[in-house]
Amino acid sequence: MLVSTFELLLKPITPTVGNIPNSDRQVLQGYFLTIANPNNTDLRLRLQFTATTPNLNLADTITISDVAGINVFGDLTPTPDPRKFTLDVGIAAHDTGLVILQPDITTLNPQVDEVEFRGFVEIFLRAPGGKFNVLLTPEHRGTFVSENPPIVSDFDQLVYALPTSNGGSLFTLKQELVDKDVKEVKPEVKETKETKEIKEIKEIKDVPDKLPKENIETVTANLTSEVQQTLALMAQSIDNIEQRLATQEAFISSEERPAVGETAVNNG
């Protein structure tokens, strides 16, 4: 998500001296981003800085992160795209951190070296998943440096807020990056006798779903035919019984009545 533009400077604030003495003093200007996490969850964020003319480089820049009350110095992380560099930062729940990107004054000489980078900043949520609100306040802060020490009345520092991409400070972030460092932990389930039996039952239940449709239709047709035949025989037997009851005919005639020890046979 786009945050704002940025401009890193180590050069005279004006091209020429002009009619105002010391108007061409060197300025050291950096990008300052205040990040507040109002959530009950710690957030892992990634800032991406993009500059094209010229491209950013590690030799002329330095990063400073102040999240736990201690300044941590470091470098941007290169990406396959030479125009883009990243910086990862973690902000604890209900905490506020400050991230700085500026010309590396520890190695650059303000009287000799000049730095001028312009670009834009993006922010991404690395972890956890979901949507979270953060408060972002981007600023440019600078200090004027010169061979001649300024007098007391000189204005030797500057600071001004930068407009954000949404016109405010509240940003809603959702996870767009897959953090390789955050691994999903799945509980190990050991197979017991009970779980094995449940698995076998499930496989048996799943068999009809795996049968071809034509086989299921054939089985259904055969079952339907057998049921119809059985019902027809039952109906015929009921008709025979009703006829015998109507004519008061015995179910077994005297001739058909077996002797003791013999098996009865119904010829009707």
C-alpha atoms as a PDB file:
ATOM      1  CA  MET A   1       0.000   0.000   0.000  1.00  0.00           C
ATOM      2  CA  LEU A   2       1.336   3.412  -0.980  1.00  0.00           C
ATOM      3  CA  VAL A   3       2.286   5.694   1.918  1.00  0.00           C
ATOM      4  CA  SER A   4       4.000   8.835   0.608  1.00  0.00           C
ATOM      5  CA  THR A   5       6.889  10.222  -1.397  1.00  0.00           C
ATOM      6  CA  PHE A   6      10.388  10.671   0.025  1.00  0.00           C
ATOM      7  CA  GLU A   7      13.428  12.809  -0.743  1.00  0.00           C
ATOM      8  CA  LEU A   8      16.935  12.218   0.604  1.00  0.00           C
ATOM      9  CA  LEU A   9      19.369  15.113   0.287  1.00  0.00           C
ATOM     10  CA  LEU A  10      22.951  15.949   1.052  1.00  0.00           C
ATOM     11  CA  LYS A  11      23.607  19.001  -1.093  1.00  0.00           C
ATOM     12  CA  PRO A  12      23.255  22.802  -1.131  1.00  0.00           C
ATOM     13  CA  ILE A  13      19.696  23.882  -0.467  1.00  0.00           C
ATOM     14  CA  THR A  14      19.929  26.353  -3.394  1.00  0.00           C
ATOM     15  CA  PRO A  15      21.982  26.144  -6.597  1.00  0.00           C
ATOM     16  CA  THR A  16      23.808  29.480  -6.026  1.00  0.00           C
ATOM     17  CA  VAL A  17      24.509  31.860  -3.186  1.00  0.00           C
ATOM     18  CA  GLY A  18      22.418  34.676  -4.639  1.00  0.00           C
ATOM     19  CA  ASN A  19      21.940  37.905  -2.713  1.00  0.00           C
ATOM     20  CA  ILE A  20      21.460  36.189   0.681  1.00  0.00           C
ATOM     21  CA  PRO A  21      24.627  35.112   2.494  1.00  0.00           C
ATOM     22  CA  ASN A  22      24.788  31.408   3.372  1.00  0.00           C
ATOM     23  CA  SER A  23      21.613  30.676   1.382  1.00  0.00           C
ATOM     24  CA  ASP A  24      23.430  27.823  -0.317  1.00  0.00           C
ATOM     25  CA  ARG A  25      24.242  25.941   2.862  1.00  0.00           C
ATOM     26  CA  GLN A  26      24.380  22.175   2.705  1.00  0.00           C
ATOM     27  CA  VAL A  27      21.307  20.353   3.964  1.00  0.00           C
ATOM     28  CA  LEU A  28      21.178  16.802   5.275  1.00  0.00           C
ATOM     29  CA  GLN A  29      17.582  15.640   4.835  1.00  0.00           C
ATOM     30  CA  GLY A  30      16.102  12.256   5.685  1.00  0.00           C
ATOM     31  CA  TYR A  31      12.756  10.465   5.631  1.00  0.00           C
ATOM     32  CA  PHE A  32      11.097   9.802   9.010  1.00  0.00           C
ATOM     33  CA  LEU A  33       8.098   7.486   9.347  1.00  0.00           C
ATOM     34  CA  THR A  34       6.286   7.112  12.668  1.00  0.00           C
ATOM     35  CA  ILE A  35       4.291   3.865  12.911  1.00  0.00           C
ATOM     36  CA  ALA A  36       1.746   3.263  15.682  1.00  0.00           C
ATOM     37  CA  ASN A  37       0.181  -0.150  16.295  1.00  0.00           C
ATOM     38  CA  PRO A  38      -3.152   0.317  18.161  1.00  0.00           C
ATOM     39  CA  ASN A  39      -3.999  -3.403  17.990  1.00  0.00           C
ATOM     40  CA  ASN A  40      -3.777  -6.102  20.646  1.00  0.00           C
ATOM     41  CA  THR A  41      -1.467  -8.059  18.344  1.00  0.00           C
ATOM     42  CA  ASP A  42       2.194  -7.582  17.443  1.00  0.00           C
ATOM     43  CA  LEU A  43       2.685  -6.710  13.774  1.00  0.00           C
ATOM     44  CA  ARG A  44       5.499  -7.549  11.386  1.00  0.00           C
ATOM     45  CA  LEU A  45       5.701  -4.978   8.609  1.00  0.00           C
ATOM     46  CA  ARG A  46       7.742  -4.396   5.478  1.00  0.00           C
ATOM     47  CA  LEU A  47       8.562  -0.988   4.011  1.00  0.00           C
ATOM     48  CA  GLN A  48       9.510  -0.763   0.347  1.00  0.00           C
ATOM     49  CA  PHE A  49      11.382   2.240  -1.040  1.00  0.00           C
ATOM     50  CA  THR A  50      11.376   2.815  -4.800  1.00  0.00           C
ATOM     51  CA  ALA A  51      13.563   5.370  -6.587  1.00  0.00           C
ATOM     52  CA  THR A  52      14.426   5.490 -10.274  1.00  0.00           C
ATOM     53  CA  THR A  53      16.440   8.611 -11.140  1.00  0.00           C
ATOM     54  CA  PRO A  54      18.843   7.752  -9.695  1.00  0.00           C
ATOM     55  CA  ASN A  55      18.348   4.346  -8.103  1.00  0.00           C
ATOM     56  CA  LEU A  56      18.866   3.939  -4.368  1.00  0.00           C
ATOM     57  CA  ASN A  57      22.076   2.268  -3.250  1.00  0.00           C
ATOM     58  CA  LEU A  58      23.447   0.848  -0.024  1.00  0.00           C
ATOM     59  CA  ALA A  59      26.680   2.863  -0.090  1.00  0.00           C
ATOM     60  CA  ASP A  60      24.997   6.254   0.279  1.00  0.00           C
ATOM     61  CA  THR A  61      22.095   5.402   2.607  1.00  0.00           C
ATOM     62  CA  ILE A  62      21.569   4.214   6.166  1.00  0.00           C
ATOM     63  CA  THR A  63      18.485   3.093   8.105  1.00  0.00           C
ATOM     64  CA  ILE A  64      17.730   3.746  11.755  1.00  0.00           C
ATOM     65  CA  SER A  65      14.907   1.978  13.591  1.00  0.00           C
ATOM     66  CA  ASP A  66      13.767   3.036  17.049  1.00  0.00           C
ATOM     67  CA  VAL A  67      11.098   0.634  18.266  1.00  0.00           C
ATOM     68  CA  ALA A  68      12.188  -0.251  21.800  1.00  0.00           C
ATOM     69  CA  GLY A  69      13.849   3.028  22.757  1.00  0.00           C
ATOM     70  CA  ILE A  70      17.156   2.042  21.167  1.00  0.00           C
ATOM     71  CA  ASN A  71      18.482   3.234  17.814  1.00  0.00           C
ATOM     72  CA  VAL A  72      19.252   0.246  15.601  1.00  0.00           C
ATOM     73  CA  PHE A  73      21.400   1.116  12.570  1.00  0.00           C
ATOM     74  CA  GLY A  74      21.248  -0.973   9.430  1.00  0.00           C
ATOM     75  CA  ASP A  75      20.919  -1.083   5.667  1.00  0.00           C
ATOM     76  CA  LEU A  76      18.130  -1.538   3.195  1.00  0.00           C
ATOM     77  CA  THR A  77      17.644  -4.983   1.679  1.00  0.00           C
ATOM     78  CA  PRO A  78      18.069  -5.198  -2.125  1.00  0.00           C
ATOM     79  CA  THR A  79      15.432  -6.892  -4.283  1.00  0.00           C
ATOM     80  CA  PRO A  80      15.645  -8.388  -7.789  1.00  0.00           C
ATOM     81  CA  ASP A  81      14.368  -5.017  -9.032  1.00  0.00           C
ATOM     82  CA  PRO A  82      17.313  -2.569  -8.737  1.00  0.00           C
ATOM     83  CA  ARG A  83      14.886   0.299  -8.182  1.00  0.00           C
ATOM     84  CA  LYS A  84      13.357  -1.242  -5.052  1.00  0.00           C
ATOM     85  CA  PHE A  85      14.765  -1.806  -1.565  1.00  0.00           C
ATOM     86  CA  THR A  86      12.972  -3.083   1.542  1.00  0.00           C
ATOM     87  CA  LEU A  87      13.199  -2.734   5.304  1.00  0.00           C
ATOM     88  CA  ASP A  88      11.432  -5.066   7.758  1.00  0.00           C
ATOM     89  CA  VAL A  89      10.261  -3.808  11.133  1.00  0.00           C
ATOM     90  CA  GLY A  90       8.195  -5.244  13.976  1.00  0.00           C
ATOM     91  CA  ILE A  91       5.876  -3.126  16.115  1.00  0.00           C
ATOM     92  CA  ALA A  92       4.572  -4.543  19.396  1.00  0.00           C
ATOM     93  CA  ALA A  93       0.910  -4.260  20.341  1.00  0.00           C
ATOM     94  CA  HIS A  94      -0.048  -0.730  21.459  1.00  0.00           C
ATOM     95  CA  ASP A  95       3.486   0.471  20.714  1.00  0.00           C
ATOM     96  CA  THR A  96       4.902   3.120  18.382  1.00  0.00           C
ATOM     97  CA  GLY A  97       8.125   2.988  16.397  1.00  0.00           C
ATOM     98  CA  LEU A  98      10.161   5.356  14.266  1.00  0.00           C
ATOM     99  CA  VAL A  99      11.898   4.374  11.024  1.00  0.00           C
ATOM    100  CA  ILE A 100      14.467   6.660   9.382  1.00  0.00           C
ATOM    101  CA  LEU A 101      16.078   6.517   5.946  1.00  0.00           C
ATOM    102  CA  GLN A 102      18.736   9.145   5.298  1.00  0.00           C
ATOM    103  CA  PRO A 103      22.069   9.710   3.558  1.00  0.00           C
ATOM    104  CA  ASP A 104      24.840   7.859   5.395  1.00  0.00           C
ATOM    105  CA  ILE A 105      26.539  10.743   7.153  1.00  0.00           C
ATOM    106  CA  THR A 106      28.906   8.281   8.857  1.00  0.00           C
ATOM    107  CA  THR A 107      30.727   7.719   5.563  1.00  0.00           C
ATOM    108  CA  LEU A 108      29.821  10.721   3.389  1.00  0.00           C
ATOM    109  CA  ASN A 109      31.647  14.049   3.524  1.00  0.00           C
ATOM    110  CA  PRO A 110      29.188  16.990   3.353  1.00  0.00           C
ATOM    111  CA  GLN A 111      31.866  19.230   1.849  1.00  0.00           C
ATOM    112  CA  VAL A 112      32.617  16.837  -1.013  1.00  0.00           C
ATOM    113  CA  ASP A 113      29.820  14.319  -1.513  1.00  0.00           C
ATOM    114  CA  GLU A 114      26.327  15.011  -2.767  1.00  0.00           C
ATOM    115  CA  VAL A 115      23.279  12.757  -2.508  1.00  0.00           C
ATOM    116  CA  GLU A 116      19.841  13.261  -4.028  1.00  0.00           C
ATOM    117  CA  PHE A 117      17.234  10.484  -4.120  1.00  0.00           C
ATOM    118  CA  ARG A 118      13.517  10.865  -4.772  1.00  0.00           C
ATOM    119  CA  GLY A 119      10.898   8.154  -4.795  1.00  0.00           C
ATOM    120  CA  PHE A 120       7.900   6.673  -3.014  1.00  0.00           C
ATOM    121  CA  VAL A 121       7.268   4.425  -0.015  1.00  0.00           C
ATOM    122  CA  GLU A 122       4.960   1.417   0.331  1.00  0.00           C
ATOM    123  CA  ILE A 123       4.023  -0.604   3.410  1.00  0.00           C
ATOM    124  CA  PHE A 124       2.980  -4.268   3.609  1.00  0.00           C
ATOM    125  CA  LEU A 125       1.770  -6.572   6.375  1.00  0.00           C
ATOM    126  CA  ARG A 126       3.959  -9.659   6.746  1.00  0.00           C
ATOM    127  CA  ALA A 127       2.264 -11.248   9.758  1.00  0.00           C
ATOM    128  CA  PRO A 128      -0.150 -12.140  11.176  1.00  0.00           C
ATOM    129  CA  GLY A 129      -2.916 -12.779   8.668  1.00  0.00           C
ATOM    130  CA  GLY A 130      -6.058 -10.679   8.624  1.00  0.00           C
ATOM    131  CA  LYS A 131      -6.673  -6.932   8.579  1.00  0.00           C
ATOM    132  CA  PHE A 132      -5.157  -4.443  11.014  1.00  0.00           C
ATOM    133  CA  ASN A 133      -5.216  -0.671  11.393  1.00  0.00           C
ATOM    134  CA  VAL A 134      -2.001   1.305  11.808  1.00  0.00           C
ATOM    135  CA  LEU A 135      -1.298   5.017  12.156  1.00  0.00           C
ATOM    136  CA  LEU A 136       1.396   6.393   9.845  1.00  0.00           C
ATOM    137  CA  THR A 137       2.991   9.845  10.001  1.00  0.00           C
ATOM    138  CA  PRO A 138       5.654  10.512   7.324  1.00  0.00           C
ATOM    139  CA  GLU A 139       7.958  13.522   7.636  1.00  0.00           C
ATOM    140  CA  HIS A 140      11.048  15.089   6.169  1.00  0.00           C
ATOM    141  CA  ARG A 141      13.564  16.300   8.723  1.00  0.00           C
ATOM    142  CA  GLY A 142      16.794  18.060   7.902  1.00  0.00           C
ATOM    143  CA  THR A 143      19.856  19.734   9.369  1.00  0.00           C
ATOM    144  CA  PHE A 144      21.881  22.459   7.690  1.00  0.00           C
ATOM    145  CA  VAL A 145      25.637  21.929   7.648  1.00  0.00           C
ATOM    146  CA  SER A 146      28.299  24.437   6.573  1.00  0.00           C
ATOM    147  CA  GLU A 147      31.981  25.183   6.846  1.00  0.00           C
ATOM    148  CA  ASN A 148      31.116  28.323   8.795  1.00  0.00           C
ATOM    149  CA  PRO A 149      29.306  27.711  12.089  1.00  0.00           C
ATOM    150  CA  PRO A 150      25.899  29.441  11.995  1.00  0.00           C
ATOM    151  CA  ILE A 151      25.181  32.289  14.346  1.00  0.00           C
ATOM    152  CA  VAL A 152      22.574  31.908  17.060  1.00  0.00           C
ATOM    153  CA  SER A 153      19.810  33.542  15.020  1.00  0.00           C
ATOM    154  CA  ASP A 154      20.274  31.161  12.075  1.00  0.00           C
ATOM    155  CA  PHE A 155      17.572  28.556  11.428  1.00  0.00           C
ATOM    156  CA  ASP A 156      19.622  25.362  11.190  1.00  0.00           C
ATOM    157  CA  GLN A 157      16.969  22.617  11.145  1.00  0.00           C
ATOM    158  CA  LEU A 158      13.782  21.844   9.273  1.00  0.00           C
ATOM    159  CA  VAL A 159      10.870  19.448   9.665  1.00  0.00           C
ATOM    160  CA  TYR A 160       7.636  19.142   7.710  1.00  0.00           C
ATOM    161  CA  ALA A 161       4.924  16.539   7.387  1.00  0.00           C
ATOM    162  CA  LEU A 162       4.310  14.792   4.082  1.00  0.00           C
ATOM    163  CA  PRO A 163       0.877  14.162   2.566  1.00  0.00           C
ATOM    164  CA  THR A 164      -0.136  10.507   2.602  1.00  0.00           C
ATOM    165  CA  SER A 165      -1.715   8.549  -0.219  1.00  0.00           C
ATOM    166  CA  ASN A 166      -5.123   8.438   1.501  1.00  0.00           C
ATOM    167  CA  GLY A 167      -5.011  11.949   2.916  1.00  0.00           C
ATOM    168  CA  GLY A 168      -4.924  10.755   6.538  1.00  0.00           C
ATOM    169  CA  SER A 169      -2.904   8.769   9.050  1.00  0.00           C
ATOM    170  CA  LEU A 170      -5.135   5.694   9.431  1.00  0.00           C
ATOM    171  CA  PHE A 171      -4.172   2.807   7.143  1.00  0.00           C
ATOM    172  CA  THR A 172      -5.817  -0.627   7.030  1.00  0.00           C
ATOM    173  CA  LEU A 173      -3.323  -3.329   6.137  1.00  0.00           C
ATOM    174  CA  LYS A 174      -4.031  -6.892   5.085  1.00  0.00           C
ATOM    175  CA  GLN A 175      -1.524  -9.646   4.533  1.00  0.00           C
ATOM    176  CA  GLU A 176      -0.279  -9.616   0.946  1.00  0.00           C
ATOM    177  CA  LEU A 177       3.138 -11.178   1.509  1.00  0.00           C
ATOM    178  CA  VAL A 178       3.841 -14.784   2.440  1.00  0.00           C
ATOM    179  CA  ASP A 179       6.435 -14.592   5.180  1.00  0.00           C
ATOM    180  CA  LYS A 180       8.778 -17.553   4.759  1.00  0.00           C
ATOM    181  CA  ASP A 181      10.018 -17.055   8.308  1.00  0.00           C
ATOM    182  CA  VAL A 182       6.543 -17.683   9.724  1.00  0.00           C
ATOM    183  CA  LYS A 183       5.864 -21.413   9.427  1.00  0.00           C
ATOM    184  CA  GLU A 184       2.459 -22.959   9.951  1.00  0.00           C
ATOM    185  CA  VAL A 185       2.578 -25.414  12.848  1.00  0.00           C
ATOM    186  CA  LYS A 186       0.196 -28.330  12.438  1.00  0.00           C
ATOM    187  CA  PRO A 187      -0.527 -30.655  15.398  1.00  0.00           C
ATOM    188  CA  GLU A 188       0.744 -34.193  14.976  1.00  0.00           C
ATOM    189  CA  VAL A 189      -2.118 -36.706  15.139  1.00  0.00           C
ATOM    190  CA  LYS A 190      -1.069 -40.258  15.878  1.00  0.00           C
ATOM    191  CA  GLU A 191      -3.208 -43.015  14.360  1.00  0.00           C
ATOM    192  CA  THR A 192      -4.819 -45.124  17.075  1.00  0.00           C
ATOM    193  CA  LYS A 193      -7.040 -48.175  16.743  1.00  0.00           C
ATOM    194  CA  GLU A 194     -10.156 -45.997  17.024  1.00  0.00           C
ATOM    195  CA  THR A 195      -9.008 -43.481  14.427  1.00  0.00           C
ATOM    196  CA  LYS A 196      -8.063 -46.313  12.087  1.00  0.00           C
ATOM    197  CA  GLU A 197     -11.544 -47.839  12.377  1.00  0.00           C
ATOM    198  CA  ILE A 198     -13.155 -44.445  11.755  1.00  0.00           C
ATOM    199  CA  LYS A 199     -10.949 -44.017   8.699  1.00  0.00           C
ATOM    200  CA  GLU A 200     -11.992 -47.447   7.347  1.00  0.00           C
ATOM    201  CA  ILE A 201     -15.690 -46.667   7.905  1.00  0.00           C
ATOM    202  CA  LYS A 202     -15.293 -43.376   6.079  1.00  0.00           C
ATOM    203  CA  GLU A 203     -13.603 -45.141   3.170  1.00  0.00           C
ATOM    204  CA  ILE A 204     -16.512 -47.604   2.961  1.00  0.00           C
ATOM    205  CA  LYS A 205     -19.005 -44.745   2.927  1.00  0.00           C
ATOM    206  CA  ASP A 206     -17.038 -43.030   0.218  1.00  0.00           C
ATOM    207  CA  VAL A 207     -17.147 -46.090  -2.085  1.00  0.00           C
ATOM    208  CA  PRO A 208     -20.525 -45.191  -3.720  1.00  0.00           C
ATOM    209  CA  ASP A 209     -19.167 -41.758  -4.529  1.00  0.00           C
ATOM    210  CA  LYS A 210     -16.228 -43.350  -6.317  1.00  0.00           C
ATOM    211  CA  LEU A 211     -18.309 -45.773  -8.426  1.00  0.00           C
ATOM    212  CA  PRO A 212     -18.992 -44.820 -12.041  1.00  0.00           C
ATOM    213  CA  LYS A 213     -22.432 -43.375 -12.628  1.00  0.00           C
ATOM    214  CA  GLU A 214     -23.429 -46.139 -15.065  1.00  0.00           C
ATOM    215  CA  ASN A 215     -22.648 -48.851 -12.465  1.00  0.00           C
ATOM    216  CA  ILE A 216     -24.813 -47.120  -9.882  1.00  0.00           C
ATOM    217  CA  GLU A 217     -27.693 -46.859 -12.385  1.00  0.00           C
ATOM    218  CA  THR A 218     -27.405 -50.598 -13.231  1.00  0.00           C
ATOM    219  CA  VAL A 219     -27.474 -51.629  -9.563  1.00  0.00           C
ATOM    220  CA  THR A 220     -30.458 -49.369  -8.922  1.00  0.00           C
ATOM    221  CA  ALA A 221     -32.366 -50.833 -11.903  1.00  0.00           C
ATOM    222  CA  ASN A 222     -31.723 -54.429 -10.761  1.00  0.00           C
ATOM    223  CA  LEU A 223     -32.900 -53.673  -7.234  1.00  0.00           C
ATOM    224  CA  THR A 224     -36.049 -52.012  -8.570  1.00  0.00           C
ATOM    225  CA  SER A 225     -36.873 -55.038 -10.768  1.00  0.00           C
ATOM    226  CA  GLU A 226     -36.460 -57.487  -7.864  1.00  0.00           C
ATOM    227  CA  VAL A 227     -38.684 -55.411  -5.608  1.00  0.00           C
ATOM    228  CA  GLN A 228     -41.395 -55.248  -8.288  1.00  0.00           C
ATOM    229  CA  GLN A 229     -41.318 -59.059  -8.738  1.00  0.00           C
ATOM    230  CA  THR A 230     -41.606 -59.589  -4.989  1.00  0.00           C
ATOM    231  CA  LEU A 231     -44.548 -57.212  -4.748  1.00  0.00           C
ATOM    232  CA  ALA A 232     -46.287 -59.002  -7.655  1.00  0.00           C
ATOM    233  CA  LEU A 233     -45.937 -62.402  -5.937  1.00  0.00           C
ATOM    234  CA  MET A 234     -47.250 -60.956  -2.694  1.00  0.00           C
ATOM    235  CA  ALA A 235     -50.263 -59.474  -4.499  1.00  0.00           C
ATOM    236  CA  GLN A 236     -51.006 -62.822  -6.205  1.00  0.00           C
ATOM    237  CA  SER A 237     -50.860 -64.655  -2.863  1.00  0.00           C
ATOM    238  CA  ILE A 238     -53.234 -62.144  -1.290  1.00  0.00           C
ATOM    239  CA  ASP A 239     -55.700 -62.640  -4.182  1.00  0.00           C
ATOM    240  CA  ASN A 240     -55.625 -66.436  -3.699  1.00  0.00           C
ATOM    241  CA  ILE A 241     -56.310 -66.055   0.017  1.00  0.00           C
ATOM    242  CA  GLU A 242     -59.222 -63.688  -0.596  1.00  0.00           C
ATOM    243  CA  GLN A 243     -60.751 -66.119  -3.141  1.00  0.00           C
ATOM    244  CA  ARG A 244     -60.573 -69.032  -0.702  1.00  0.00           C
ATOM    245  CA  LEU A 245     -62.074 -66.970   2.085  1.00  0.00           C
ATOM    246  CA  ALA A 246     -64.891 -65.862  -0.207  1.00  0.00           C
ATOM    247  CA  THR A 247     -65.765 -69.465  -1.170  1.00  0.00           C
ATOM    248  CA  GLN A 248     -65.101 -70.695   2.364  1.00  0.00           C
ATOM    249  CA  GLU A 249     -62.575 -73.040   0.894  1.00  0.00           C
ATOM    250  CA  ALA A 250     -60.135 -74.535   3.359  1.00  0.00           C
ATOM    251  CA  PHE A 251     -56.519 -73.784   2.856  1.00  0.00           C
ATOM    252  CA  ILE A 252     -55.840 -77.562   3.028  1.00  0.00           C
ATOM    253  CA  SER A 253     -58.413 -80.004   1.641  1.00  0.00           C
ATOM    254  CA  SER A 254     -59.192 -83.295   3.325  1.00  0.00           C
ATOM    255  CA  GLU A 255     -57.336 -85.092   0.569  1.00  0.00           C
ATOM    256  CA  GLU A 256     -54.329 -82.859   1.084  1.00  0.00           C
ATOM    257  CA  ARG A 257     -54.404 -83.276   4.850  1.00  0.00           C
ATOM    258  CA  PRO A 258     -51.264 -85.349   5.672  1.00  0.00           C
ATOM    259  CA  ALA A 259     -51.129 -88.283   7.963  1.00  0.00           C
ATOM    260  CA  VAL A 260     -49.282 -88.028  11.198  1.00  0.00           C
ATOM    261  CA  GLY A 261     -45.593 -87.784  10.543  1.00  0.00           C
ATOM    262  CA  GLU A 262     -46.014 -86.666   6.915  1.00  0.00           C
ATOM    263  CA  THR A 263     -45.141 -83.225   5.511  1.00  0.00           C
ATOM    264  CA  ALA A 264     -48.070 -81.037   4.396  1.00  0.00           C
ATOM    265  CA  VAL A 265     -48.018 -79.938   0.755  1.00  0.00           C
ATOM    266  CA  ASN A 266     -50.289 -77.151  -0.538  1.00  0.00           C
ATOM    267  CA  ASN A 267     -51.109 -77.761  -4.204  1.00  0.00           C
ATOM    268  CA  GLY A 268     -53.243 -74.666  -4.517  1.00  0.00           C
END
